[in-house]
Amino acid sequence: MREVYAMPFSHEDIFSGEAGEKIPYHRMYGKQYCVPALTVYTPEEVEELRVAAETIDAIYIKVMRFIQRYMPDSFLEHPLGIDPGLIPAARMEAVTGGITRQDWIIGEAGLKCIENNTDTPTGIPESAALESILIGRTGDQAWSAPSADMDARIEDCFRSWLTFYAEQGLEGPVTFTSYGEHVEDRTNTAYLMERCREAGYEVWYAPLEELEIVPGEALYHQGREIRLLYRLYPLEYLIGDRDETTGVDIGAALIELVYNGQLGLMNPVQHVLMQSKGFMAAIWSLYERNEQTPEYCGFTLFNEAEMEVISRYLLPTYFTAEPFEQSNVPYVAKSYWGREGRGTLLLDKSEAQETLDVNADRVTITEIQSDAVSHWKKELESDDKGDRPAVLNKDDDEDDDEDVTSYYENQPKIYQQLVPMEQAVIQTEDGEYSGYLLTGVFVIGGRFAGMLPRVGERVTGDMAYYCAAAVREPMNDEEEKKWEI
């Protein structure tokens, strides 16, 4: 059971002032989202998370480069599920290190990274600003904030991006965009915009719905040309956008500007490769067949240290459920572009927690491509892929919710070993809540930046509670007695 420190303040006590201004969405869906409590981590846990998260980030980047350089378009389109319209831009090698958030389970199996949001992670103001506010309200110097360096990491990341784009001839103000009426997205975007301003750059905000594009020419906002764009809008949605009035394929036209070097995107388009959950299955396939990579590309992809990290911190993940069903191992089915827990199904047919023999099925890397493509096509034949939802808004009505659910549930899936999550009990406005802890870890510019703990159901969705991370040094006997009092 994870230790949670309940603060002696009501929700209104905390969020009637600065905290409420920083996080205006402290209530969502008509209920509390942020709770006045701290999720307690030990210094040793945070240090292990830091080292592990940075190493996993480096492995993601290494595999991304491998896929960009050595895997055919058919692999990107099918096993990874990348829209063909994104593939040329996704192959463009931009500077590495972006704004990403990994999701970790701390439990019986140790630390396990189960997902990585590399395209449009949110939860940034909660970690970067609210965490420190809550810890400050304790009045206890023994607490420390694991996300204290997030602002500096964000600023460094923008400097890295904008230096890279300047070398490509893309300079000028940086425009930040999100759906203007979506409070959570706009707040996250505005927070990043202010950090970019503090890093020394001119910035503008433009609601996504106000952007205009002239195909082959430029992207505009109120007549002002945009050459550098941070967008809190997923690329898998963007590529399908069309202006219903003019018939212009807006997304395709914008990606063409990127490909032609007329527009710099942040995160860069290459991040969509890692955002696909098929990427996790690709990492595991390459891990299992690491000794075969010299035959395919002339070098061994992972060194011994990286192989140890993958084995220790990642989970067996496949393009098919067969390895788990044959071994009677509980597993999770995840939609390729699932977000906020949508499109995720837990499949635990047995209480047995057997160890999966990952070397039982030895095939070549070339066969990985063909097998994965075949499985992907079977999934498409058996599922109605459905239409992409036009807007994923926190305030969608019931019909829109049904469309969103269908969109996620009908996507092809990957299959990942299921491991138990740690439980946590928190006090909410509705009373005591017993849930499961998912620890988000931000890696920004390749470096550990902060943590986003959420307590929810076994599949962490957008109804989960944010319960800020805090680190407390071990107490002596006298402090322990005071704590108990």
Protein backbone atom coordinates (compact mmCIF):
# COMPACT_ATOMS: atom_id res chain seq x y z
CA MET A 1 0.00 0.00 0.00
CA ARG A 2 1.44 3.36 -1.04
CA GLU A 3 1.74 5.92 1.75
CA VAL A 4 -0.36 9.04 1.19
CA TYR A 5 -0.14 12.14 3.41
CA ALA A 6 -3.56 13.81 3.74
CA MET A 7 -3.12 17.55 4.21
CA PRO A 8 -5.18 19.30 6.92
CA PHE A 9 -6.91 21.54 4.37
CA SER A 10 -10.13 21.38 2.39
CA HIS A 11 -10.22 21.52 -1.39
CA GLU A 12 -11.42 25.13 -1.24
CA ASP A 13 -8.65 26.08 1.21
CA ILE A 14 -6.08 24.98 -1.35
CA PHE A 15 -7.66 26.05 -4.64
CA SER A 16 -9.25 29.38 -3.76
CA GLY A 17 -5.98 31.17 -4.42
CA GLU A 18 -2.79 30.66 -6.44
CA ALA A 19 -3.30 26.91 -6.86
CA GLY A 20 -6.70 27.45 -8.48
CA GLU A 21 -5.23 30.01 -10.85
CA LYS A 22 -2.45 27.64 -11.88
CA ILE A 23 -4.80 24.66 -12.26
CA PRO A 24 -8.27 25.97 -13.20
CA TYR A 25 -9.32 22.40 -14.01
CA HIS A 26 -8.79 21.20 -10.41
CA ARG A 27 -12.34 19.91 -10.83
CA MET A 28 -13.35 18.06 -14.00
CA TYR A 29 -16.47 16.19 -15.06
CA GLY A 30 -18.24 17.80 -12.14
CA LYS A 31 -15.97 16.19 -9.55
CA GLN A 32 -12.69 16.73 -7.79
CA TYR A 33 -9.57 16.02 -9.86
CA CYS A 34 -6.75 17.38 -7.67
CA VAL A 35 -6.78 16.30 -4.03
CA PRO A 36 -5.05 18.08 -1.11
CA ALA A 37 -2.70 15.22 -0.38
CA LEU A 38 0.82 14.03 -1.16
CA THR A 39 1.89 10.68 -2.61
CA VAL A 40 4.98 9.78 -0.61
CA TYR A 41 8.05 8.38 -2.39
CA THR A 42 11.41 7.50 -0.86
CA PRO A 43 14.60 9.15 -2.12
CA GLU A 44 15.75 5.73 -3.34
CA GLU A 45 12.57 5.22 -5.40
CA VAL A 46 12.88 8.61 -7.07
CA GLU A 47 16.55 8.06 -7.85
CA GLU A 48 15.82 4.68 -9.43
CA LEU A 49 12.95 6.20 -11.41
CA ARG A 50 15.23 9.01 -12.60
CA VAL A 51 17.96 6.71 -13.87
CA ALA A 52 15.52 4.17 -15.33
CA ALA A 53 13.34 6.79 -17.07
CA GLU A 54 16.31 8.52 -18.68
CA THR A 55 17.69 5.19 -19.88
CA ILE A 56 14.32 4.07 -21.25
CA ASP A 57 14.04 7.41 -23.06
CA ALA A 58 17.44 6.81 -24.67
CA ILE A 59 16.35 3.31 -25.75
CA TYR A 60 13.17 4.74 -27.29
CA ILE A 61 15.25 7.23 -29.26
CA LYS A 62 17.70 4.54 -30.41
CA VAL A 63 14.86 2.35 -31.68
CA MET A 64 13.20 5.36 -33.32
CA ARG A 65 16.38 6.05 -35.29
CA PHE A 66 16.66 2.36 -36.19
CA ILE A 67 13.12 2.36 -37.55
CA GLN A 68 13.63 5.64 -39.40
CA ARG A 69 16.77 4.36 -41.11
CA TYR A 70 16.26 0.64 -41.60
CA MET A 71 12.58 -0.35 -41.55
CA PRO A 72 10.44 -0.08 -44.71
CA ASP A 73 7.38 2.10 -45.10
CA SER A 74 5.18 -1.00 -44.82
CA PHE A 75 6.43 -1.49 -41.24
CA LEU A 76 5.64 2.10 -40.30
CA GLU A 77 2.20 1.94 -41.88
CA HIS A 78 1.02 -1.42 -40.55
CA PRO A 79 2.71 -2.67 -37.37
CA LEU A 80 3.20 0.89 -36.12
CA GLY A 81 -0.11 2.14 -37.53
CA ILE A 82 1.34 5.39 -38.91
CA ASP A 83 -0.91 7.13 -41.42
CA PRO A 84 0.82 7.04 -44.86
CA GLY A 85 0.49 10.83 -45.00
CA LEU A 86 2.75 11.14 -41.94
CA ILE A 87 5.46 8.68 -42.96
CA PRO A 88 7.74 10.97 -45.05
CA ALA A 89 7.79 13.62 -42.30
CA ALA A 90 8.15 10.96 -39.57
CA ARG A 91 11.34 9.77 -41.29
CA MET A 92 12.87 13.26 -41.02
CA GLU A 93 15.54 13.15 -38.32
CA ALA A 94 15.03 16.10 -36.00
CA VAL A 95 16.89 16.86 -32.78
CA THR A 96 16.25 14.19 -30.14
CA GLY A 97 14.83 14.85 -26.73
CA GLY A 98 11.37 16.33 -26.41
CA ILE A 99 8.55 16.73 -23.91
CA THR A 100 7.45 13.20 -22.98
CA ARG A 101 5.81 11.39 -20.08
CA GLN A 102 6.29 7.74 -19.25
CA ASP A 103 3.76 5.82 -17.13
CA TRP A 104 5.20 3.53 -14.44
CA ILE A 105 3.78 0.88 -12.14
CA ILE A 106 5.54 0.39 -8.80
CA GLY A 107 4.45 -2.97 -7.46
CA GLU A 108 5.27 -6.58 -6.72
CA ALA A 109 7.25 -6.92 -9.95
CA GLY A 110 9.35 -3.84 -9.17
CA LEU A 111 9.35 -0.75 -11.38
CA LYS A 112 7.74 -1.28 -14.80
CA CYS A 113 7.26 1.28 -17.57
CA ILE A 114 3.98 0.42 -19.29
CA GLU A 115 3.53 3.34 -21.72
CA ASN A 116 5.18 6.46 -23.07
CA ASN A 117 3.31 9.56 -24.27
CA THR A 118 5.81 11.13 -26.65
CA ASP A 119 3.51 13.35 -28.71
CA THR A 120 1.19 15.48 -26.56
CA PRO A 121 1.66 14.79 -22.82
CA THR A 122 -0.38 16.85 -20.37
CA GLY A 123 -0.31 17.13 -16.58
CA ILE A 124 2.59 19.59 -16.80
CA PRO A 125 1.24 22.46 -14.61
CA GLU A 126 0.17 19.98 -11.94
CA SER A 127 3.72 18.67 -11.59
CA ALA A 128 5.69 21.83 -12.30
CA ALA A 129 3.58 24.27 -10.26
CA LEU A 130 0.93 22.65 -8.03
CA GLU A 131 3.30 20.09 -6.52
CA SER A 132 5.51 22.81 -5.02
CA ILE A 133 2.50 24.82 -3.82
CA LEU A 134 1.11 21.83 -1.94
CA ILE A 135 4.45 20.91 -0.41
CA GLY A 136 4.91 24.54 0.65
CA ARG A 137 1.58 24.45 2.49
CA THR A 138 2.86 21.68 4.77
CA GLY A 139 5.30 24.09 6.38
CA ASP A 140 7.68 21.14 6.79
CA GLN A 141 11.19 21.50 5.38
CA ALA A 142 11.62 17.70 5.39
CA TRP A 143 9.49 17.42 2.24
CA SER A 144 11.04 17.96 -1.19
CA ALA A 145 9.47 18.30 -4.64
CA PRO A 146 10.70 15.78 -7.25
CA SER A 147 9.45 18.06 -10.06
CA ALA A 148 11.33 21.14 -8.85
CA ASP A 149 13.55 21.26 -11.96
CA MET A 150 10.76 20.89 -14.53
CA ASP A 151 10.68 24.56 -15.56
CA ALA A 152 14.41 24.53 -16.27
CA ARG A 153 14.09 21.30 -18.27
CA ILE A 154 11.30 22.81 -20.38
CA GLU A 155 13.33 25.93 -21.11
CA ASP A 156 16.36 23.84 -22.11
CA CYS A 157 14.16 21.73 -24.38
CA PHE A 158 12.85 24.78 -26.25
CA ARG A 159 16.39 26.10 -26.65
CA SER A 160 17.42 22.76 -28.17
CA TRP A 161 14.45 22.68 -30.55
CA LEU A 162 14.75 26.29 -31.64
CA THR A 163 18.52 26.09 -32.14
CA PHE A 164 17.93 23.06 -34.38
CA TYR A 165 15.21 24.82 -36.38
CA ALA A 166 17.30 27.99 -36.70
CA GLU A 167 19.99 25.87 -38.36
CA GLN A 168 17.29 24.78 -40.84
CA GLY A 169 16.44 28.43 -41.55
CA LEU A 170 13.27 28.48 -39.42
CA GLU A 171 13.28 31.46 -37.05
CA GLY A 172 10.86 34.03 -35.65
CA PRO A 173 8.12 33.98 -33.03
CA VAL A 174 6.96 30.63 -31.65
CA THR A 175 3.21 30.10 -31.92
CA PHE A 176 1.48 27.87 -29.37
CA THR A 177 -1.84 26.29 -30.24
CA SER A 178 -4.54 24.12 -28.68
CA TYR A 179 -8.33 24.10 -28.69
CA GLY A 180 -9.06 27.51 -27.24
CA GLU A 181 -12.13 26.43 -25.27
CA HIS A 182 -10.52 23.29 -23.81
CA VAL A 183 -9.38 24.55 -20.42
CA GLU A 184 -6.96 21.74 -19.57
CA ASP A 185 -5.21 21.78 -22.94
CA ARG A 186 -5.06 25.57 -23.09
CA THR A 187 -3.62 25.76 -19.55
CA ASN A 188 -0.94 23.17 -20.38
CA THR A 189 -0.11 25.02 -23.61
CA ALA A 190 0.02 28.42 -21.90
CA TYR A 191 2.33 27.04 -19.23
CA LEU A 192 4.80 25.83 -21.85
CA MET A 193 4.47 29.13 -23.71
CA GLU A 194 5.53 31.07 -20.62
CA ARG A 195 8.56 28.84 -20.13
CA CYS A 196 9.53 29.44 -23.77
CA ARG A 197 9.15 33.19 -23.20
CA GLU A 198 11.36 32.93 -20.11
CA ALA A 199 13.94 31.10 -22.23
CA GLY A 200 14.23 34.29 -24.29
CA TYR A 201 11.92 33.74 -27.27
CA GLU A 202 9.01 35.72 -28.66
CA VAL A 203 5.77 33.77 -28.29
CA TRP A 204 2.13 33.95 -29.42
CA TYR A 205 -0.97 31.96 -28.61
CA ALA A 206 -3.37 31.02 -31.42
CA PRO A 207 -6.46 28.85 -30.84
CA LEU A 208 -6.33 25.82 -33.10
CA GLU A 209 -9.69 26.66 -34.62
CA GLU A 210 -8.36 30.07 -35.78
CA LEU A 211 -5.38 28.75 -37.75
CA GLU A 212 -5.53 29.10 -41.54
CA ILE A 213 -3.42 27.29 -44.10
CA VAL A 214 -2.63 28.00 -47.72
CA PRO A 215 -1.43 24.67 -49.16
CA GLY A 216 2.15 24.84 -50.37
CA GLU A 217 2.55 28.38 -49.05
CA ALA A 218 2.30 28.80 -45.26
CA LEU A 219 0.31 28.49 -42.05
CA TYR A 220 -1.27 31.71 -40.76
CA HIS A 221 -3.05 33.18 -37.76
CA GLN A 222 -4.91 36.44 -38.41
CA GLY A 223 -2.64 37.15 -41.38
CA ARG A 224 0.60 36.45 -39.48
CA GLU A 225 2.76 33.70 -40.97
CA ILE A 226 3.74 30.90 -38.61
CA ARG A 227 7.08 29.18 -39.05
CA LEU A 228 7.46 27.60 -35.60
CA LEU A 229 4.52 25.81 -33.98
CA TYR A 230 4.01 24.04 -30.66
CA ARG A 231 0.72 22.16 -30.90
CA LEU A 232 -1.16 20.30 -28.20
CA TYR A 233 -3.07 18.31 -30.79
CA PRO A 234 -2.26 14.68 -31.66
CA LEU A 235 -0.74 14.02 -35.06
CA GLU A 236 -2.97 10.98 -35.64
CA TYR A 237 -5.96 13.38 -35.53
CA LEU A 238 -4.26 16.19 -37.42
CA ILE A 239 -3.44 14.15 -40.51
CA GLY A 240 -7.13 13.39 -41.07
CA ASP A 241 -8.41 16.97 -40.66
CA ARG A 242 -10.31 18.45 -43.60
CA ASP A 243 -12.02 21.79 -44.06
CA GLU A 244 -15.63 20.82 -44.73
CA THR A 245 -16.30 24.13 -46.45
CA THR A 246 -13.37 24.23 -48.87
CA GLY A 247 -12.56 20.53 -49.02
CA VAL A 248 -8.88 21.26 -48.26
CA ASP A 249 -7.05 18.46 -46.44
CA ILE A 250 -5.75 20.72 -43.70
CA GLY A 251 -3.63 18.11 -41.93
CA ALA A 252 -1.97 16.86 -45.09
CA ALA A 253 -1.23 20.44 -46.17
CA LEU A 254 0.35 21.25 -42.79
CA ILE A 255 2.52 18.12 -42.82
CA GLU A 256 3.61 19.00 -46.36
CA LEU A 257 4.88 22.36 -45.04
CA VAL A 258 6.88 20.46 -42.42
CA TYR A 259 8.31 18.06 -44.99
CA ASN A 260 9.29 20.95 -47.28
CA GLY A 261 11.12 22.72 -44.45
CA GLN A 262 8.62 25.61 -44.21
CA LEU A 263 7.31 24.83 -40.73
CA GLY A 264 8.93 23.51 -37.56
CA LEU A 265 6.70 21.43 -35.25
CA MET A 266 7.19 20.75 -31.55
CA ASN A 267 7.22 17.90 -30.59
CA PRO A 268 8.69 17.03 -34.03
CA VAL A 269 6.77 14.64 -36.29
CA GLN A 270 9.26 11.84 -35.58
CA HIS A 271 7.68 11.52 -32.12
CA VAL A 272 4.57 9.94 -33.65
CA LEU A 273 6.62 6.77 -34.20
CA MET A 274 7.19 6.41 -30.47
CA GLN A 275 3.63 7.46 -29.60
CA SER A 276 2.21 4.41 -31.39
CA LYS A 277 1.79 1.58 -28.90
CA GLY A 278 3.02 -0.69 -31.68
CA PHE A 279 6.41 0.87 -30.90
CA MET A 280 6.47 -0.98 -27.56
CA ALA A 281 5.94 -4.29 -29.36
CA ALA A 282 8.68 -3.34 -31.81
CA ILE A 283 11.14 -2.71 -28.97
CA TRP A 284 10.36 -6.10 -27.43
CA SER A 285 10.69 -7.88 -30.79
CA LEU A 286 14.10 -6.31 -31.33
CA TYR A 287 15.11 -7.13 -27.75
CA GLU A 288 14.26 -10.82 -28.22
CA ARG A 289 16.24 -10.96 -31.46
CA ASN A 290 19.08 -8.63 -30.61
CA GLU A 291 21.73 -11.15 -31.69
CA GLN A 292 20.19 -11.21 -35.18
CA THR A 293 20.46 -7.46 -35.87
CA PRO A 294 24.01 -7.69 -37.34
CA GLU A 295 22.62 -9.91 -40.09
CA TYR A 296 19.96 -7.30 -40.85
CA CYS A 297 21.77 -3.96 -40.51
CA GLY A 298 25.41 -4.75 -39.82
CA PHE A 299 25.52 -3.96 -36.09
CA THR A 300 24.08 -5.12 -32.77
CA LEU A 301 21.30 -2.76 -31.77
CA PHE A 302 21.38 -3.05 -27.96
CA ASN A 303 24.45 -3.36 -25.75
CA GLU A 304 24.45 -5.53 -22.60
CA ALA A 305 23.46 -2.65 -20.31
CA GLU A 306 20.49 -1.76 -22.52
CA MET A 307 19.40 -5.39 -22.68
CA GLU A 308 19.42 -5.48 -18.88
CA VAL A 309 17.35 -2.27 -18.67
CA ILE A 310 14.76 -3.59 -21.14
CA SER A 311 14.49 -6.89 -19.27
CA ARG A 312 14.18 -5.15 -15.91
CA TYR A 313 11.90 -2.21 -16.66
CA LEU A 314 9.86 -3.03 -19.78
CA LEU A 315 7.22 -5.72 -20.15
CA PRO A 316 6.79 -8.43 -22.81
CA THR A 317 4.67 -6.78 -25.51
CA TYR A 318 3.52 -8.38 -28.76
CA PHE A 319 1.47 -7.75 -31.89
CA THR A 320 -0.60 -10.84 -31.02
CA ALA A 321 -2.05 -12.26 -27.80
CA GLU A 322 -0.91 -15.80 -28.60
CA PRO A 323 2.24 -15.85 -26.40
CA PHE A 324 0.15 -14.96 -23.33
CA GLU A 325 -2.78 -17.22 -24.13
CA GLN A 326 -0.48 -20.18 -24.74
CA SER A 327 1.32 -19.56 -21.44
CA ASN A 328 -1.83 -18.66 -19.48
CA VAL A 329 -0.25 -15.34 -18.47
CA PRO A 330 -2.55 -12.36 -17.70
CA TYR A 331 -2.22 -9.58 -20.24
CA VAL A 332 -3.54 -6.20 -21.37
CA ALA A 333 -4.92 -5.38 -24.83
CA LYS A 334 -4.18 -1.76 -25.77
CA SER A 335 -5.44 0.19 -28.77
CA TYR A 336 -2.64 1.70 -30.82
CA TRP A 337 -3.67 5.28 -30.23
CA GLY A 338 -5.47 4.83 -26.90
CA ARG A 339 -5.45 7.79 -24.54
CA GLU A 340 -6.67 8.25 -20.96
CA GLY A 341 -7.20 4.49 -20.67
CA ARG A 342 -9.59 4.36 -23.63
CA GLY A 343 -9.31 1.23 -25.74
CA THR A 344 -7.55 -0.75 -22.97
CA LEU A 345 -8.83 -4.15 -21.81
CA LEU A 346 -7.45 -6.26 -18.95
CA LEU A 347 -7.48 -10.01 -19.65
CA ASP A 348 -6.69 -12.10 -16.58
CA LYS A 349 -8.03 -15.60 -17.25
CA SER A 350 -5.98 -17.22 -14.53
CA GLU A 351 -4.52 -16.37 -11.16
CA ALA A 352 -1.30 -18.01 -12.29
CA GLN A 353 1.61 -15.59 -12.63
CA GLU A 354 3.88 -17.71 -14.77
CA THR A 355 7.07 -16.42 -16.35
CA LEU A 356 6.83 -16.03 -20.10
CA ASP A 357 9.56 -17.76 -22.10
CA VAL A 358 10.40 -14.90 -24.44
CA ASN A 359 12.88 -16.97 -26.43
CA ALA A 360 10.48 -19.78 -27.30
CA ASP A 361 9.62 -18.46 -30.75
CA ARG A 362 12.76 -17.58 -32.68
CA VAL A 363 12.17 -15.78 -35.94
CA THR A 364 14.23 -13.28 -37.90
CA ILE A 365 13.80 -9.52 -37.99
CA THR A 366 12.52 -9.77 -41.54
CA GLU A 367 9.88 -12.21 -40.31
CA ILE A 368 8.92 -9.72 -37.59
CA GLN A 369 7.92 -7.35 -40.37
CA SER A 370 5.86 -9.84 -42.32
CA ASP A 371 4.22 -11.42 -39.25
CA ALA A 372 3.32 -8.04 -37.79
CA VAL A 373 1.91 -6.80 -41.09
CA SER A 374 -0.21 -9.96 -41.42
CA HIS A 375 -1.53 -9.60 -37.88
CA TRP A 376 -2.31 -5.92 -38.42
CA LYS A 377 -4.31 -6.69 -41.56
CA LYS A 378 -6.28 -9.40 -39.75
CA GLU A 379 -7.13 -6.90 -37.03
CA LEU A 380 -8.36 -4.42 -39.60
CA GLU A 381 -10.50 -7.08 -41.28
CA SER A 382 -12.11 -8.11 -37.97
CA ASP A 383 -12.62 -4.59 -36.59
CA ASP A 384 -14.47 -1.61 -37.93
CA LYS A 385 -11.77 0.99 -37.51
CA GLY A 386 -14.35 3.76 -37.34
CA ASP A 387 -13.90 7.46 -37.93
CA ARG A 388 -11.54 9.70 -36.04
CA PRO A 389 -13.46 11.90 -33.58
CA ALA A 390 -13.41 15.52 -34.73
CA VAL A 391 -12.79 16.98 -31.26
CA LEU A 392 -11.84 15.16 -28.05
CA ASN A 393 -13.28 17.62 -25.57
CA LYS A 394 -13.69 17.16 -21.83
CA ASP A 395 -17.24 18.50 -22.19
CA ASP A 396 -18.42 16.31 -25.07
CA ASP A 397 -22.07 15.24 -24.96
CA GLU A 398 -23.24 11.63 -24.79
CA ASP A 399 -23.28 11.05 -28.55
CA ASP A 400 -19.75 12.38 -28.88
CA ASP A 401 -18.65 10.12 -25.99
CA GLU A 402 -20.02 7.12 -27.88
CA ASP A 403 -18.11 8.17 -31.01
CA VAL A 404 -14.90 8.55 -28.99
CA THR A 405 -15.35 5.16 -27.32
CA SER A 406 -15.96 3.49 -30.67
CA TYR A 407 -12.92 5.18 -32.19
CA TYR A 408 -10.58 3.81 -29.53
CA GLU A 409 -12.11 0.37 -29.02
CA ASN A 410 -12.17 -0.48 -32.73
CA GLN A 411 -8.49 0.17 -33.35
CA PRO A 412 -6.01 -2.69 -33.82
CA LYS A 413 -4.24 -3.56 -30.58
CA ILE A 414 -0.98 -4.64 -29.03
CA TYR A 415 -0.77 -7.07 -26.11
CA GLN A 416 1.31 -6.50 -22.99
CA GLN A 417 1.91 -8.62 -19.91
CA LEU A 418 -0.28 -7.54 -16.99
CA VAL A 419 1.43 -6.78 -13.69
CA PRO A 420 -0.27 -5.84 -10.39
CA MET A 421 -0.54 -2.17 -9.48
CA GLU A 422 0.11 -0.76 -6.05
CA GLN A 423 -2.97 0.34 -4.13
CA ALA A 424 -3.46 3.72 -2.48
CA VAL A 425 -6.21 5.18 -0.30
CA ILE A 426 -6.97 8.90 -0.56
CA GLN A 427 -9.50 11.23 1.03
CA THR A 428 -11.77 12.99 -1.47
CA GLU A 429 -14.77 15.30 -1.18
CA ASP A 430 -16.93 12.21 -1.71
CA GLY A 431 -15.23 10.27 1.07
CA GLU A 432 -12.46 7.70 1.20
CA TYR A 433 -11.38 6.31 -2.16
CA SER A 434 -9.31 3.14 -2.59
CA GLY A 435 -7.65 2.96 -5.97
CA TYR A 436 -4.49 2.07 -7.85
CA LEU A 437 -1.41 4.24 -8.27
CA LEU A 438 0.06 5.05 -11.68
CA THR A 439 3.23 7.14 -11.54
CA GLY A 440 3.83 9.40 -14.51
CA VAL A 441 7.47 10.38 -15.05
CA PHE A 442 8.29 13.34 -17.28
CA VAL A 443 11.45 13.09 -19.36
CA ILE A 444 12.13 16.41 -21.07
CA GLY A 445 15.11 16.93 -23.31
CA GLY A 446 16.30 13.44 -22.35
CA ARG A 447 16.43 14.25 -18.63
CA PHE A 448 14.17 13.40 -15.69
CA ALA A 449 11.91 16.40 -15.10
CA GLY A 450 9.17 15.44 -12.66
CA MET A 451 6.37 13.13 -11.59
CA LEU A 452 2.59 12.91 -12.05
CA PRO A 453 0.97 10.41 -9.64
CA ARG A 454 -2.66 9.53 -10.34
CA VAL A 455 -4.92 7.27 -8.30
CA GLY A 456 -7.74 5.58 -10.20
CA GLU A 457 -9.09 2.27 -11.36
CA ARG A 458 -6.97 -0.65 -12.63
CA VAL A 459 -7.05 1.08 -16.01
CA THR A 460 -6.09 4.68 -15.25
CA GLY A 461 -8.54 6.95 -17.06
CA ASP A 462 -9.42 10.62 -17.08
CA MET A 463 -11.53 10.13 -13.93
CA ALA A 464 -8.40 9.38 -11.87
CA TYR A 465 -7.32 11.74 -9.07
CA TYR A 466 -4.09 13.72 -9.16
CA CYS A 467 -2.23 13.32 -5.87
CA ALA A 468 1.04 15.26 -5.97
CA ALA A 469 4.38 13.53 -5.56
CA ALA A 470 6.56 14.34 -2.57
CA VAL A 471 9.80 12.96 -1.19
CA ARG A 472 10.50 12.69 2.51
CA GLU A 473 13.83 11.81 3.98
CA PRO A 474 13.83 8.97 6.54
CA MET A 475 12.83 10.21 10.00
CA ASN A 476 14.65 9.66 13.26
CA ASP A 477 12.84 8.26 16.30
CA GLU A 478 11.80 11.68 17.62
CA GLU A 479 10.39 12.76 14.26
CA GLU A 480 8.60 9.44 13.92
CA LYS A 481 6.77 10.03 17.22
CA LYS A 482 5.78 13.55 16.12
CA TRP A 483 4.50 12.15 12.80
CA GLU A 484 2.37 9.60 14.63
CA ILE A 485 0.88 12.33 16.84
